Protein backbone atom coordinates (compact mmCIF):
# COMPACT_ATOMS: atom_id res chain seq x y z
CA UNK A 1 72.05 66.36 70.94
CA UNK A 2 72.31 69.99 69.92
CA UNK A 3 75.03 71.19 67.52
CA UNK A 4 76.34 67.68 66.82
CA UNK A 5 76.95 68.55 63.17
CA UNK A 6 79.41 71.30 64.04
CA UNK A 7 83.13 71.00 64.43
CA UNK A 8 86.49 72.12 63.19
CA UNK A 9 86.73 72.14 59.39
CA UNK A 10 89.71 70.25 58.05
CA UNK A 11 90.89 69.10 54.62
CA UNK A 12 88.74 65.98 54.79
CA UNK A 13 85.54 67.47 56.20
CA UNK A 14 84.17 68.49 59.56
CA UNK A 15 86.00 67.03 62.55
CA UNK A 16 83.01 66.67 64.86
CA UNK A 17 81.02 64.03 66.69
CA UNK A 18 79.77 62.43 63.47
CA UNK A 19 83.33 61.53 62.50
CA UNK A 20 83.54 59.16 65.47
CA UNK A 21 80.41 57.37 64.25
CA UNK A 22 81.87 57.05 60.74
CA UNK A 23 85.09 55.60 62.16
CA UNK A 24 82.93 53.11 64.06
CA UNK A 25 81.27 52.02 60.81
CA UNK A 26 78.09 54.08 60.54
CA UNK A 27 77.00 54.73 56.96
CA UNK A 28 75.16 57.94 57.84
CA UNK A 29 74.53 60.08 60.90
CA UNK A 30 71.69 62.45 61.77
CA UNK A 31 73.12 65.61 63.31
CA UNK A 32 71.91 69.06 64.33
CA UNK A 33 73.39 72.36 63.26
CA UNK A 34 72.07 74.49 66.14
CA UNK A 35 70.17 74.17 69.41
CA UNK A 36 66.90 72.37 68.66
CA UNK A 37 63.73 72.67 70.73
CA UNK A 38 62.68 69.59 72.72
CA UNK A 39 58.97 69.43 71.87
CA UNK A 40 59.20 69.78 68.08
CA UNK A 41 62.10 67.35 68.06
CA UNK A 42 60.11 64.80 70.07
CA UNK A 43 57.34 65.07 67.46
CA UNK A 44 59.57 64.92 64.39
CA UNK A 45 62.14 62.23 65.22
CA UNK A 46 59.66 59.35 65.64
CA UNK A 47 58.43 60.17 62.13
CA UNK A 48 62.01 59.99 60.88
CA UNK A 49 62.57 56.59 62.46
CA UNK A 50 59.22 55.25 61.22
CA UNK A 51 60.21 56.23 57.67
CA UNK A 52 63.52 54.41 58.13
CA UNK A 53 61.59 51.33 59.23
CA UNK A 54 59.62 51.60 55.97
CA UNK A 55 63.00 51.33 54.19
CA UNK A 56 63.26 54.96 53.12
CA UNK A 57 66.81 56.25 52.74
CA UNK A 58 67.98 58.45 55.62
CA UNK A 59 67.74 61.60 53.49
CA UNK A 60 64.22 60.67 52.29
CA UNK A 61 63.15 59.86 55.85
CA UNK A 62 64.44 63.20 57.13
CA UNK A 63 62.72 65.12 54.33
CA UNK A 64 59.42 63.35 54.98
CA UNK A 65 59.65 64.02 58.73
CA UNK A 66 60.52 67.68 58.18
CA UNK A 67 57.66 68.24 55.73
CA UNK A 68 55.23 66.52 58.07
CA UNK A 69 56.44 68.69 60.95
CA UNK A 70 56.05 71.87 58.88
CA UNK A 71 52.50 70.81 58.00
CA UNK A 72 51.65 70.31 61.67
CA UNK A 73 53.20 73.66 62.60
CA UNK A 74 51.23 75.42 59.86
CA UNK A 75 48.01 73.90 61.18
CA UNK A 76 48.65 74.69 64.86
CA UNK A 77 49.10 71.07 65.92
CA UNK A 78 52.37 71.46 67.84
CA UNK A 79 52.26 73.05 71.26
CA UNK A 80 54.33 73.33 74.41
CA UNK A 81 53.21 73.48 78.00
CA UNK A 82 54.34 76.45 80.05
CA UNK A 83 53.51 77.74 83.50
CA UNK A 84 50.95 79.99 81.83
CA UNK A 85 49.35 77.13 79.92
CA UNK A 86 49.63 75.61 76.48
CA UNK A 87 51.22 77.64 73.67
CA UNK A 88 50.87 76.75 70.00
CA UNK A 89 54.21 77.01 68.24
CA UNK A 90 54.37 79.35 65.24
CA UNK A 91 54.94 77.83 61.79
CA UNK A 92 58.67 78.53 61.66
CA UNK A 93 61.05 76.20 59.78
CA UNK A 94 63.56 76.73 62.61
CA UNK A 95 61.88 73.89 64.50
CA UNK A 96 62.81 71.24 61.95
CA UNK A 97 65.44 72.62 59.55
CA UNK A 98 68.38 72.33 61.95
CA UNK A 99 68.74 68.60 61.23
CA UNK A 100 71.14 67.22 58.61
CA UNK A 101 72.18 63.82 57.30
CA UNK A 102 75.90 63.27 56.96
CA UNK A 103 77.37 60.35 55.04
CA UNK A 104 75.35 58.18 52.67
CA UNK A 105 72.04 59.77 51.69
């Protein structure tokens, strides 16, 4: 979900949604820092989970997915469908840099 990495800052960190997952026993949580676009996210997150299945650490998996997404954006491989037709997304890091790993890397 969007903005899941945000919350009130306290003496022991950010009191946001991720804290509930840590209390429930999660070692790390993937969060977002701003509103993320659906299409780029639907391209990038499967790459993240595939890297986790290959036993990469969460931070390594996120980095690999983000770099792969940037490569695809730079080469015009990510597009969205609109009422006016297909639009190729510009190579902006905004589409993949809003994700962060909290907890164990």
